[in-house]
């Protein structure tokens, strides 16, 4: 399934099927939180959180695509991501876009 962050696909006429989304809430274990806490003292990338957010985006995208496939979509256009802190060490990631079907040319 094609996913793009533009509101068109070059050379294709599109039928809009509707908004689709996928989300997940992720957290790291206490050991990773303690390690990240120490890292904030000296600075630098919090790799365990970078990995957590990457995994969360992948899950949210997969769920969005599954919702689009259930509608019979060929692609999802205008894909966007949003995130928010749910609690200390936990974040929600949402992927959303517009499911479309290709029209005959």
PDB file of N, CA and C in Angstrom:
ATOM      1  N   UNK A   1       0.853  -1.177   0.000  1.00  0.00           N
ATOM      2  CA  UNK A   1       0.000   0.000   0.000  1.00  0.00           C
ATOM      3  C   UNK A   1       0.891   1.229   0.000  1.00  0.00           C
ATOM      4  N   UNK A   2       0.604   2.123  -0.918  1.00  0.00           N
ATOM      5  CA  UNK A   2       1.349   3.377  -1.011  1.00  0.00           C
ATOM      6  C   UNK A   2       0.856   4.341   0.066  1.00  0.00           C
ATOM      7  N   UNK A   3       1.794   4.943   0.783  1.00  0.00           N
ATOM      8  CA  UNK A   3       1.455   5.999   1.739  1.00  0.00           C
ATOM      9  C   UNK A   3       2.321   7.206   1.400  1.00  0.00           C
ATOM     10  N   UNK A   4       1.687   8.365   1.276  1.00  0.00           N
ATOM     11  CA  UNK A   4       2.407   9.590   0.925  1.00  0.00           C
ATOM     12  C   UNK A   4       1.925  10.736   1.808  1.00  0.00           C
ATOM     13  N   UNK A   5       2.776  11.753   1.950  1.00  0.00           N
ATOM     14  CA  UNK A   5       2.375  12.909   2.759  1.00  0.00           C
ATOM     15  C   UNK A   5       1.886  14.068   1.893  1.00  0.00           C
ATOM     16  N   UNK A   6       1.631  13.809   0.619  1.00  0.00           N
ATOM     17  CA  UNK A   6       1.044  14.812  -0.268  1.00  0.00           C
ATOM     18  C   UNK A   6      -0.456  14.535  -0.396  1.00  0.00           C
ATOM     19  N   UNK A   7      -1.195  15.506  -0.923  1.00  0.00           N
ATOM     20  CA  UNK A   7      -2.636  15.297  -1.079  1.00  0.00           C
ATOM     21  C   UNK A   7      -3.001  14.837  -2.486  1.00  0.00           C
ATOM     22  N   UNK A   8      -2.029  14.293  -3.205  1.00  0.00           N
ATOM     23  CA  UNK A   8      -2.248  13.773  -4.551  1.00  0.00           C
ATOM     24  C   UNK A   8      -1.220  12.677  -4.827  1.00  0.00           C
ATOM     25  N   UNK A   9      -1.479  11.908  -5.877  1.00  0.00           N
ATOM     26  CA  UNK A   9      -0.508  10.946  -6.393  1.00  0.00           C
ATOM     27  C   UNK A   9      -0.390  11.248  -7.872  1.00  0.00           C
ATOM     28  N   UNK A  10       0.778  11.636  -8.297  1.00  0.00           N
ATOM     29  CA  UNK A  10       1.006  12.061  -9.669  1.00  0.00           C
ATOM     30  C   UNK A  10       0.505  11.008 -10.660  1.00  0.00           C
ATOM     31  N   UNK A  11      -0.302  11.466 -11.604  1.00  0.00           N
ATOM     32  CA  UNK A  11      -0.797  10.597 -12.667  1.00  0.00           C
ATOM     33  C   UNK A  11      -2.007   9.760 -12.297  1.00  0.00           C
ATOM     34  N   UNK A  12      -2.544   9.935 -11.092  1.00  0.00           N
ATOM     35  CA  UNK A  12      -3.693   9.135 -10.660  1.00  0.00           C
ATOM     36  C   UNK A  12      -4.877  10.032 -10.342  1.00  0.00           C
ATOM     37  N   UNK A  13      -6.062   9.592 -10.764  1.00  0.00           N
ATOM     38  CA  UNK A  13      -7.300  10.214 -10.314  1.00  0.00           C
ATOM     39  C   UNK A  13      -7.763   9.413  -9.108  1.00  0.00           C
ATOM     40  N   UNK A  14      -8.221  10.125  -8.077  1.00  0.00           N
ATOM     41  CA  UNK A  14      -8.495   9.466  -6.812  1.00  0.00           C
ATOM     42  C   UNK A  14      -9.938   9.612  -6.368  1.00  0.00           C
ATOM     43  N   UNK A  15     -10.457   8.549  -5.782  1.00  0.00           N
ATOM     44  CA  UNK A  15     -11.737   8.585  -5.089  1.00  0.00           C
ATOM     45  C   UNK A  15     -11.414   8.577  -3.592  1.00  0.00           C
ATOM     46  N   UNK A  16     -11.898   9.582  -2.880  1.00  0.00           N
ATOM     47  CA  UNK A  16     -11.646   9.675  -1.450  1.00  0.00           C
ATOM     48  C   UNK A  16     -12.573   8.726  -0.699  1.00  0.00           C
ATOM     49  N   UNK A  17     -11.991   7.904   0.174  1.00  0.00           N
ATOM     50  CA  UNK A  17     -12.778   6.943   0.936  1.00  0.00           C
ATOM     51  C   UNK A  17     -12.999   7.371   2.376  1.00  0.00           C
ATOM     52  N   UNK A  18     -12.141   8.238   2.877  1.00  0.00           N
ATOM     53  CA  UNK A  18     -12.327   8.728   4.229  1.00  0.00           C
ATOM     54  C   UNK A  18     -11.057   8.687   5.058  1.00  0.00           C
ATOM     55  N   UNK A  19     -11.174   9.246   6.248  1.00  0.00           N
ATOM     56  CA  UNK A  19     -10.067   9.319   7.186  1.00  0.00           C
ATOM     57  C   UNK A  19      -9.778   7.935   7.763  1.00  0.00           C
ATOM     58  N   UNK A  20      -8.493   7.605   7.830  1.00  0.00           N
ATOM     59  CA  UNK A  20      -8.059   6.376   8.492  1.00  0.00           C
ATOM     60  C   UNK A  20      -6.975   6.740   9.492  1.00  0.00           C
ATOM     61  N   UNK A  21      -6.905   5.948  10.559  1.00  0.00           N
ATOM     62  CA  UNK A  21      -5.906   6.247  11.571  1.00  0.00           C
ATOM     63  C   UNK A  21      -5.475   4.967  12.257  1.00  0.00           C
ATOM     64  N   UNK A  22      -4.328   5.065  12.900  1.00  0.00           N
ATOM     65  CA  UNK A  22      -3.818   3.983  13.720  1.00  0.00           C
ATOM     66  C   UNK A  22      -3.065   4.611  14.871  1.00  0.00           C
ATOM     67  N   UNK A  23      -3.117   3.980  16.032  1.00  0.00           N
ATOM     68  CA  UNK A  23      -2.403   4.548  17.168  1.00  0.00           C
ATOM     69  C   UNK A  23      -1.896   3.449  18.083  1.00  0.00           C
ATOM     70  N   UNK A  24      -0.972   3.822  18.955  1.00  0.00           N
ATOM     71  CA  UNK A  24      -0.448   2.941  19.983  1.00  0.00           C
ATOM     72  C   UNK A  24       0.079   3.791  21.127  1.00  0.00           C
ATOM     73  N   UNK A  25       0.086   3.223  22.311  1.00  0.00           N
ATOM     74  CA  UNK A  25       0.715   3.854  23.473  1.00  0.00           C
ATOM     75  C   UNK A  25       1.861   2.940  23.875  1.00  0.00           C
ATOM     76  N   UNK A  26       3.048   3.502  23.972  1.00  0.00           N
ATOM     77  CA  UNK A  26       4.249   2.727  24.274  1.00  0.00           C
ATOM     78  C   UNK A  26       4.912   3.271  25.530  1.00  0.00           C
ATOM     79  N   UNK A  27       5.578   2.369  26.256  1.00  0.00           N
ATOM     80  CA  UNK A  27       6.388   2.793  27.401  1.00  0.00           C
ATOM     81  C   UNK A  27       7.602   1.885  27.497  1.00  0.00           C
ATOM     82  N   UNK A  28       8.620   2.367  28.148  1.00  0.00           N
ATOM     83  CA  UNK A  28       9.817   1.573  28.399  1.00  0.00           C
ATOM     84  C   UNK A  28       9.776   1.056  29.822  1.00  0.00           C
ATOM     85  N   UNK A  29      10.550   0.030  30.084  1.00  0.00           N
ATOM     86  CA  UNK A  29      10.566  -0.526  31.438  1.00  0.00           C
ATOM     87  C   UNK A  29      11.364   0.365  32.385  1.00  0.00           C
ATOM     88  N   UNK A  30      11.245   0.102  33.664  1.00  0.00           N
ATOM     89  CA  UNK A  30      11.858   0.949  34.690  1.00  0.00           C
ATOM     90  C   UNK A  30      13.375   1.014  34.543  1.00  0.00           C
ATOM     91  N   UNK A  31      13.992  -0.088  34.136  1.00  0.00           N
ATOM     92  CA  UNK A  31      15.446  -0.083  33.933  1.00  0.00           C
ATOM     93  C   UNK A  31      15.863   0.907  32.863  1.00  0.00           C
ATOM     94  N   UNK A  32      15.127   0.941  31.771  1.00  0.00           N
ATOM     95  CA  UNK A  32      15.425   1.894  30.693  1.00  0.00           C
ATOM     96  C   UNK A  32      15.168   3.323  31.159  1.00  0.00           C
ATOM     97  N   UNK A  33      14.114   3.522  31.971  1.00  0.00           N
ATOM     98  CA  UNK A  33      13.817   4.863  32.485  1.00  0.00           C
ATOM     99  C   UNK A  33      14.948   5.377  33.373  1.00  0.00           C
ATOM    100  N   UNK A  34      15.479   4.506  34.211  1.00  0.00           N
ATOM    101  CA  UNK A  34      16.584   4.911  35.088  1.00  0.00           C
ATOM    102  C   UNK A  34      17.808   5.279  34.260  1.00  0.00           C
ATOM    103  N   UNK A  35      18.127   4.453  33.272  1.00  0.00           N
ATOM    104  CA  UNK A  35      19.261   4.743  32.387  1.00  0.00           C
ATOM    105  C   UNK A  35      19.085   6.058  31.643  1.00  0.00           C
ATOM    106  N   UNK A  36      17.867   6.316  31.172  1.00  0.00           N
ATOM    107  CA  UNK A  36      17.590   7.571  30.468  1.00  0.00           C
ATOM    108  C   UNK A  36      17.705   8.748  31.418  1.00  0.00           C
ATOM    109  N   UNK A  37      17.288   8.559  32.665  1.00  0.00           N
ATOM    110  CA  UNK A  37      17.404   9.626  33.657  1.00  0.00           C
ATOM    111  C   UNK A  37      18.848  10.031  33.879  1.00  0.00           C
ATOM    112  N   UNK A  38      19.745   9.047  33.951  1.00  0.00           N
ATOM    113  CA  UNK A  38      21.170   9.349  34.103  1.00  0.00           C
ATOM    114  C   UNK A  38      21.715  10.059  32.861  1.00  0.00           C
ATOM    115  N   UNK A  39      21.223   9.668  31.694  1.00  0.00           N
ATOM    116  CA  UNK A  39      21.688  10.263  30.439  1.00  0.00           C
ATOM    117  C   UNK A  39      21.329  11.745  30.375  1.00  0.00           C
ATOM    118  N   UNK A  40      20.228  12.154  30.990  1.00  0.00           N
ATOM    119  CA  UNK A  40      19.834  13.562  30.941  1.00  0.00           C
ATOM    120  C   UNK A  40      20.823  14.443  31.699  1.00  0.00           C
ATOM    121  N   UNK A  41      21.591  13.860  32.588  1.00  0.00           N
ATOM    122  CA  UNK A  41      22.589  14.632  33.336  1.00  0.00           C
ATOM    123  C   UNK A  41      23.733  15.064  32.426  1.00  0.00           C
ATOM    124  N   UNK A  42      24.188  14.163  31.558  1.00  0.00           N
ATOM    125  CA  UNK A  42      25.340  14.459  30.696  1.00  0.00           C
ATOM    126  C   UNK A  42      24.932  14.888  29.291  1.00  0.00           C
ATOM    127  N   UNK A  43      23.691  14.666  28.936  1.00  0.00           N
ATOM    128  CA  UNK A  43      23.213  15.055  27.618  1.00  0.00           C
ATOM    129  C   UNK A  43      23.424  13.961  26.586  1.00  0.00           C
ATOM    130  N   UNK A  44      22.819  14.136  25.440  1.00  0.00           N
ATOM    131  CA  UNK A  44      22.946  13.178  24.352  1.00  0.00           C
ATOM    132  C   UNK A  44      21.623  12.509  24.039  1.00  0.00           C
ATOM    133  N   UNK A  45      21.658  11.670  23.027  1.00  0.00           N
ATOM    134  CA  UNK A  45      20.455  10.991  22.560  1.00  0.00           C
ATOM    135  C   UNK A  45      20.024   9.915  23.554  1.00  0.00           C
ATOM    136  N   UNK A  46      18.737   9.835  23.793  1.00  0.00           N
ATOM    137  CA  UNK A  46      18.158   8.782  24.627  1.00  0.00           C
ATOM    138  C   UNK A  46      17.736   7.657  23.677  1.00  0.00           C
ATOM    139  N   UNK A  47      18.685   6.798  23.360  1.00  0.00           N
ATOM    140  CA  UNK A  47      18.480   5.802  22.307  1.00  0.00           C
ATOM    141  C   UNK A  47      17.318   4.863  22.589  1.00  0.00           C
ATOM    142  N   UNK A  48      17.093   4.510  23.848  1.00  0.00           N
ATOM    143  CA  UNK A  48      15.975   3.606  24.141  1.00  0.00           C
ATOM    144  C   UNK A  48      14.642   4.280  23.820  1.00  0.00           C
ATOM    145  N   UNK A  49      14.555   5.602  24.033  1.00  0.00           N
ATOM    146  CA  UNK A  49      13.325   6.317  23.697  1.00  0.00           C
ATOM    147  C   UNK A  49      13.206   6.547  22.190  1.00  0.00           C
ATOM    148  N   UNK A  50      14.312   6.765  21.525  1.00  0.00           N
ATOM    149  CA  UNK A  50      14.282   6.880  20.068  1.00  0.00           C
ATOM    150  C   UNK A  50      13.758   5.585  19.463  1.00  0.00           C
ATOM    151  N   UNK A  51      14.256   4.464  19.955  1.00  0.00           N
ATOM    152  CA  UNK A  51      13.807   3.154  19.475  1.00  0.00           C
ATOM    153  C   UNK A  51      12.322   2.948  19.792  1.00  0.00           C
ATOM    154  N   UNK A  52      11.902   3.328  21.001  1.00  0.00           N
ATOM    155  CA  UNK A  52      10.506   3.177  21.386  1.00  0.00           C
ATOM    156  C   UNK A  52       9.596   3.962  20.444  1.00  0.00           C
ATOM    157  N   UNK A  53       9.964   5.203  20.132  1.00  0.00           N
ATOM    158  CA  UNK A  53       9.127   6.032  19.265  1.00  0.00           C
ATOM    159  C   UNK A  53       9.120   5.508  17.833  1.00  0.00           C
ATOM    160  N   UNK A  54      10.255   4.970  17.372  1.00  0.00           N
ATOM    161  CA  UNK A  54      10.314   4.379  16.033  1.00  0.00           C
ATOM    162  C   UNK A  54       9.383   3.170  15.957  1.00  0.00           C
ATOM    163  N   UNK A  55       9.431   2.325  16.976  1.00  0.00           N
ATOM    164  CA  UNK A  55       8.528   1.166  17.028  1.00  0.00           C
ATOM    165  C   UNK A  55       7.074   1.620  17.061  1.00  0.00           C
ATOM    166  N   UNK A  56       6.784   2.653  17.825  1.00  0.00           N
ATOM    167  CA  UNK A  56       5.417   3.157  17.928  1.00  0.00           C
ATOM    168  C   UNK A  56       4.919   3.686  16.587  1.00  0.00           C
ATOM    169  N   UNK A  57       5.766   4.419  15.859  1.00  0.00           N
ATOM    170  CA  UNK A  57       5.363   4.919  14.531  1.00  0.00           C
ATOM    171  C   UNK A  57       5.088   3.763  13.578  1.00  0.00           C
ATOM    172  N   UNK A  58       5.914   2.723  13.642  1.00  0.00           N
ATOM    173  CA  UNK A  58       5.726   1.560  12.778  1.00  0.00           C
ATOM    174  C   UNK A  58       4.393   0.870  13.073  1.00  0.00           C
ATOM    175  N   UNK A  59       4.081   0.683  14.346  1.00  0.00           N
ATOM    176  CA  UNK A  59       2.814   0.052  14.733  1.00  0.00           C
ATOM    177  C   UNK A  59       1.631   0.913  14.314  1.00  0.00           C
ATOM    178  N   UNK A  60       1.696   2.212  14.583  1.00  0.00           N
ATOM    179  CA  UNK A  60       0.598   3.118  14.226  1.00  0.00           C
ATOM    180  C   UNK A  60       0.376   3.141  12.720  1.00  0.00           C
ATOM    181  N   UNK A  61       1.468   3.159  11.953  1.00  0.00           N
ATOM    182  CA  UNK A  61       1.350   3.156  10.485  1.00  0.00           C
ATOM    183  C   UNK A  61       0.709   1.864  10.007  1.00  0.00           C
ATOM    184  N   UNK A  62       1.147   0.735  10.556  1.00  0.00           N
ATOM    185  CA  UNK A  62       0.584  -0.560  10.153  1.00  0.00           C
ATOM    186  C   UNK A  62      -0.916  -0.600  10.444  1.00  0.00           C
ATOM    187  N   UNK A  63      -1.334  -0.096  11.593  1.00  0.00           N
ATOM    188  CA  UNK A  63      -2.760  -0.092  11.938  1.00  0.00           C
ATOM    189  C   UNK A  63      -3.558   0.828  11.026  1.00  0.00           C
ATOM    190  N   UNK A  64      -2.975   1.969  10.642  1.00  0.00           N
ATOM    191  CA  UNK A  64      -3.634   2.878   9.715  1.00  0.00           C
ATOM    192  C   UNK A  64      -3.816   2.187   8.359  1.00  0.00           C
ATOM    193  N   UNK A  65      -2.771   1.520   7.877  1.00  0.00           N
ATOM    194  CA  UNK A  65      -2.833   0.825   6.586  1.00  0.00           C
ATOM    195  C   UNK A  65      -3.865  -0.296   6.632  1.00  0.00           C
ATOM    196  N   UNK A  66      -3.925  -1.036   7.732  1.00  0.00           N
ATOM    197  CA  UNK A  66      -4.933  -2.099   7.865  1.00  0.00           C
ATOM    198  C   UNK A  66      -6.349  -1.538   7.782  1.00  0.00           C
ATOM    199  N   UNK A  67      -6.571  -0.379   8.396  1.00  0.00           N
ATOM    200  CA  UNK A  67      -7.893   0.259   8.326  1.00  0.00           C
ATOM    201  C   UNK A  67      -8.202   0.681   6.894  1.00  0.00           C
ATOM    202  N   UNK A  68      -7.202   1.190   6.183  1.00  0.00           N
ATOM    203  CA  UNK A  68      -7.387   1.588   4.783  1.00  0.00           C
ATOM    204  C   UNK A  68      -7.680   0.370   3.904  1.00  0.00           C
ATOM    205  N   UNK A  69      -6.963  -0.711   4.124  1.00  0.00           N
ATOM    206  CA  UNK A  69      -7.195  -1.930   3.350  1.00  0.00           C
ATOM    207  C   UNK A  69      -8.612  -2.456   3.562  1.00  0.00           C
ATOM    208  N   UNK A  70      -9.126  -2.339   4.780  1.00  0.00           N
ATOM    209  CA  UNK A  70     -10.493  -2.783   5.074  1.00  0.00           C
ATOM    210  C   UNK A  70     -11.526  -1.980   4.285  1.00  0.00           C
ATOM    211  N   UNK A  71     -11.174  -0.756   3.910  1.00  0.00           N
ATOM    212  CA  UNK A  71     -12.067   0.087   3.093  1.00  0.00           C
ATOM    213  C   UNK A  71     -11.887  -0.174   1.600  1.00  0.00           C
ATOM    214  N   UNK A  72     -10.909  -0.998   1.234  1.00  0.00           N
ATOM    215  CA  UNK A  72     -10.627  -1.262  -0.180  1.00  0.00           C
ATOM    216  C   UNK A  72      -9.736  -0.216  -0.813  1.00  0.00           C
ATOM    217  N   UNK A  73      -8.956   0.479  -0.023  1.00  0.00           N
ATOM    218  CA  UNK A  73      -8.101   1.558  -0.524  1.00  0.00           C
ATOM    219  C   UNK A  73      -6.882   1.005  -1.269  1.00  0.00           C
ATOM    220  N   UNK A  74      -6.404   1.821  -2.201  1.00  0.00           N
ATOM    221  CA  UNK A  74      -5.151   1.531  -2.909  1.00  0.00           C
ATOM    222  C   UNK A  74      -3.983   2.285  -2.288  1.00  0.00           C
ATOM    223  N   UNK A  75      -4.294   3.376  -1.576  1.00  0.00           N
ATOM    224  CA  UNK A  75      -3.234   4.219  -1.012  1.00  0.00           C
ATOM    225  C   UNK A  75      -3.811   5.062   0.119  1.00  0.00           C
ATOM    226  N   UNK A  76      -2.900   5.652   0.878  1.00  0.00           N
ATOM    227  CA  UNK A  76      -3.281   6.644   1.894  1.00  0.00           C
ATOM    228  C   UNK A  76      -2.483   7.903   1.591  1.00  0.00           C
ATOM    229  N   UNK A  77      -3.203   9.012   1.397  1.00  0.00           N
ATOM    230  CA  UNK A  77      -2.552  10.284   1.087  1.00  0.00           C
ATOM    231  C   UNK A  77      -2.600  11.193   2.305  1.00  0.00           C
ATOM    232  N   UNK A  78      -1.788  12.241   2.244  1.00  0.00           N
ATOM    233  CA  UNK A  78      -1.765  13.264   3.286  1.00  0.00           C
ATOM    234  C   UNK A  78      -1.503  12.662   4.678  1.00  0.00           C
ATOM    235  N   UNK A  79      -0.568  11.706   4.731  1.00  0.00           N
ATOM    236  CA  UNK A  79      -0.259  11.015   5.984  1.00  0.00           C
ATOM    237  C   UNK A  79       0.444  11.968   6.946  1.00  0.00           C
ATOM    238  N   UNK A  80       0.004  11.951   8.189  1.00  0.00           N
ATOM    239  CA  UNK A  80       0.577  12.780   9.246  1.00  0.00           C
ATOM    240  C   UNK A  80       0.764  11.932  10.498  1.00  0.00           C
ATOM    241  N   UNK A  81       1.660  12.386  11.352  1.00  0.00           N
ATOM    242  CA  UNK A  81       1.911  11.733  12.636  1.00  0.00           C
ATOM    243  C   UNK A  81       1.728  12.754  13.747  1.00  0.00           C
ATOM    244  N   UNK A  82       1.225  12.286  14.872  1.00  0.00           N
ATOM    245  CA  UNK A  82       1.097  13.125  16.067  1.00  0.00           C
ATOM    246  C   UNK A  82       1.508  12.275  17.261  1.00  0.00           C
ATOM    247  N   UNK A  83       2.060  12.935  18.262  1.00  0.00           N
ATOM    248  CA  UNK A  83       2.410  12.209  19.482  1.00  0.00           C
ATOM    249  C   UNK A  83       2.075  13.076  20.682  1.00  0.00           C
ATOM    250  N   UNK A  84       1.840  12.401  21.792  1.00  0.00           N
ATOM    251  CA  UNK A  84       1.576  13.119  23.029  1.00  0.00           C
ATOM    252  C   UNK A  84       2.015  12.255  24.198  1.00  0.00           C
ATOM    253  N   UNK A  85       2.433  12.908  25.261  1.00  0.00           N
ATOM    254  CA  UNK A  85       2.811  12.201  26.481  1.00  0.00           C
ATOM    255  C   UNK A  85       1.539  11.800  27.208  1.00  0.00           C
ATOM    256  N   UNK A  86       1.461  10.557  27.598  1.00  0.00           N
ATOM    257  CA  UNK A  86       0.314  10.055  28.339  1.00  0.00           C
ATOM    258  C   UNK A  86       0.613  10.128  29.835  1.00  0.00           C
ATOM    259  N   UNK A  87       1.842   9.760  30.187  1.00  0.00           N
ATOM    260  CA  UNK A  87       2.328   9.811  31.555  1.00  0.00           C
ATOM    261  C   UNK A  87       3.855   9.746  31.494  1.00  0.00           C
ATOM    262  N   UNK A  88       4.519   9.850  32.607  1.00  0.00           N
ATOM    263  CA  UNK A  88       5.976   9.789  32.642  1.00  0.00           C
ATOM    264  C   UNK A  88       6.449   8.506  31.958  1.00  0.00           C
ATOM    265  N   UNK A  89       7.222   8.637  30.874  1.00  0.00           N
ATOM    266  CA  UNK A  89       7.793   7.474  30.208  1.00  0.00           C
ATOM    267  C   UNK A  89       6.874   6.760  29.237  1.00  0.00           C
ATOM    268  N   UNK A  90       5.684   7.293  28.978  1.00  0.00           N
ATOM    269  CA  UNK A  90       4.754   6.659  28.040  1.00  0.00           C
ATOM    270  C   UNK A  90       4.253   7.710  27.058  1.00  0.00           C
ATOM    271  N   UNK A  91       4.151   7.313  25.801  1.00  0.00           N
ATOM    272  CA  UNK A  91       3.707   8.242  24.763  1.00  0.00           C
ATOM    273  C   UNK A  91       2.743   7.554  23.814  1.00  0.00           C
ATOM    274  N   UNK A  92       1.780   8.321  23.339  1.00  0.00           N
ATOM    275  CA  UNK A  92       0.877   7.854  22.292  1.00  0.00           C
ATOM    276  C   UNK A  92       1.394   8.391  20.965  1.00  0.00           C
ATOM    277  N   UNK A  93       1.379   7.548  19.962  1.00  0.00           N
ATOM    278  CA  UNK A  93       1.705   7.960  18.605  1.00  0.00           C
ATOM    279  C   UNK A  93       0.510   7.615  17.736  1.00  0.00           C
ATOM    280  N   UNK A  94       0.087   8.580  16.915  1.00  0.00           N
ATOM    281  CA  UNK A  94      -1.022   8.366  16.004  1.00  0.00           C
ATOM    282  C   UNK A  94      -0.569   8.674  14.583  1.00  0.00           C
ATOM    283  N   UNK A  95      -0.950   7.809  13.667  1.00  0.00           N
ATOM    284  CA  UNK A  95      -0.750   8.047  12.238  1.00  0.00           C
ATOM    285  C   UNK A  95      -2.135   8.201  11.627  1.00  0.00           C
ATOM    286  N   UNK A  96      -2.308   9.190  10.761  1.00  0.00           N
ATOM    287  CA  UNK A  96      -3.608   9.375  10.137  1.00  0.00           C
ATOM    288  C   UNK A  96      -3.442   9.947   8.742  1.00  0.00           C
ATOM    289  N   UNK A  97      -4.433   9.687   7.902  1.00  0.00           N
ATOM    290  CA  UNK A  97      -4.404  10.167   6.527  1.00  0.00           C
ATOM    291  C   UNK A  97      -5.743   9.886   5.866  1.00  0.00           C
ATOM    292  N   UNK A  98      -5.788  10.098   4.558  1.00  0.00           N
ATOM    293  CA  UNK A  98      -7.012   9.890   3.789  1.00  0.00           C
ATOM    294  C   UNK A  98      -6.846   8.662   2.900  1.00  0.00           C
ATOM    295  N   UNK A  99      -7.725   7.690   3.092  1.00  0.00           N
ATOM    296  CA  UNK A  99      -7.718   6.486   2.257  1.00  0.00           C
ATOM    297  C   UNK A  99      -8.305   6.840   0.896  1.00  0.00           C
ATOM    298  N   UNK A 100      -7.662   6.360  -0.169  1.00  0.00           N
ATOM    299  CA  UNK A 100      -8.131   6.637  -1.530  1.00  0.00           C
ATOM    300  C   UNK A 100      -8.101   5.369  -2.370  1.00  0.00           C
ATOM    301  N   UNK A 101      -8.949   5.375  -3.388  1.00  0.00           N
ATOM    302  CA  UNK A 101      -8.976   4.313  -4.393  1.00  0.00           C
ATOM    303  C   UNK A 101      -8.649   4.960  -5.734  1.00  0.00           C
ATOM    304  N   UNK A 102      -7.865   4.277  -6.536  1.00  0.00           N
ATOM    305  CA  UNK A 102      -7.545   4.783  -7.881  1.00  0.00           C
ATOM    306  C   UNK A 102      -8.767   4.654  -8.776  1.00  0.00           C
ATOM    307  N   UNK A 103      -9.069   5.718  -9.517  1.00  0.00           N
ATOM    308  CA  UNK A 103     -10.144   5.701 -10.502  1.00  0.00           C
ATOM    309  C   UNK A 103      -9.585   5.284 -11.861  1.00  0.00           C
ATOM    310  N   UNK A 104     -10.363   4.609 -12.660  1.00  0.00           N
ATOM    311  CA  UNK A 104      -9.894   4.222 -14.004  1.00  0.00           C
ATOM    312  C   UNK A 104      -9.577   5.483 -14.813  1.00  0.00           C
ATOM    313  N   UNK A 105      -8.567   5.361 -15.655  1.00  0.00           N
ATOM    314  CA  UNK A 105      -8.155   6.530 -16.449  1.00  0.00           C
ATOM    315  C   UNK A 105      -8.801   6.549 -17.803  1.00  0.00           C
TER     316      UNK A 105
END
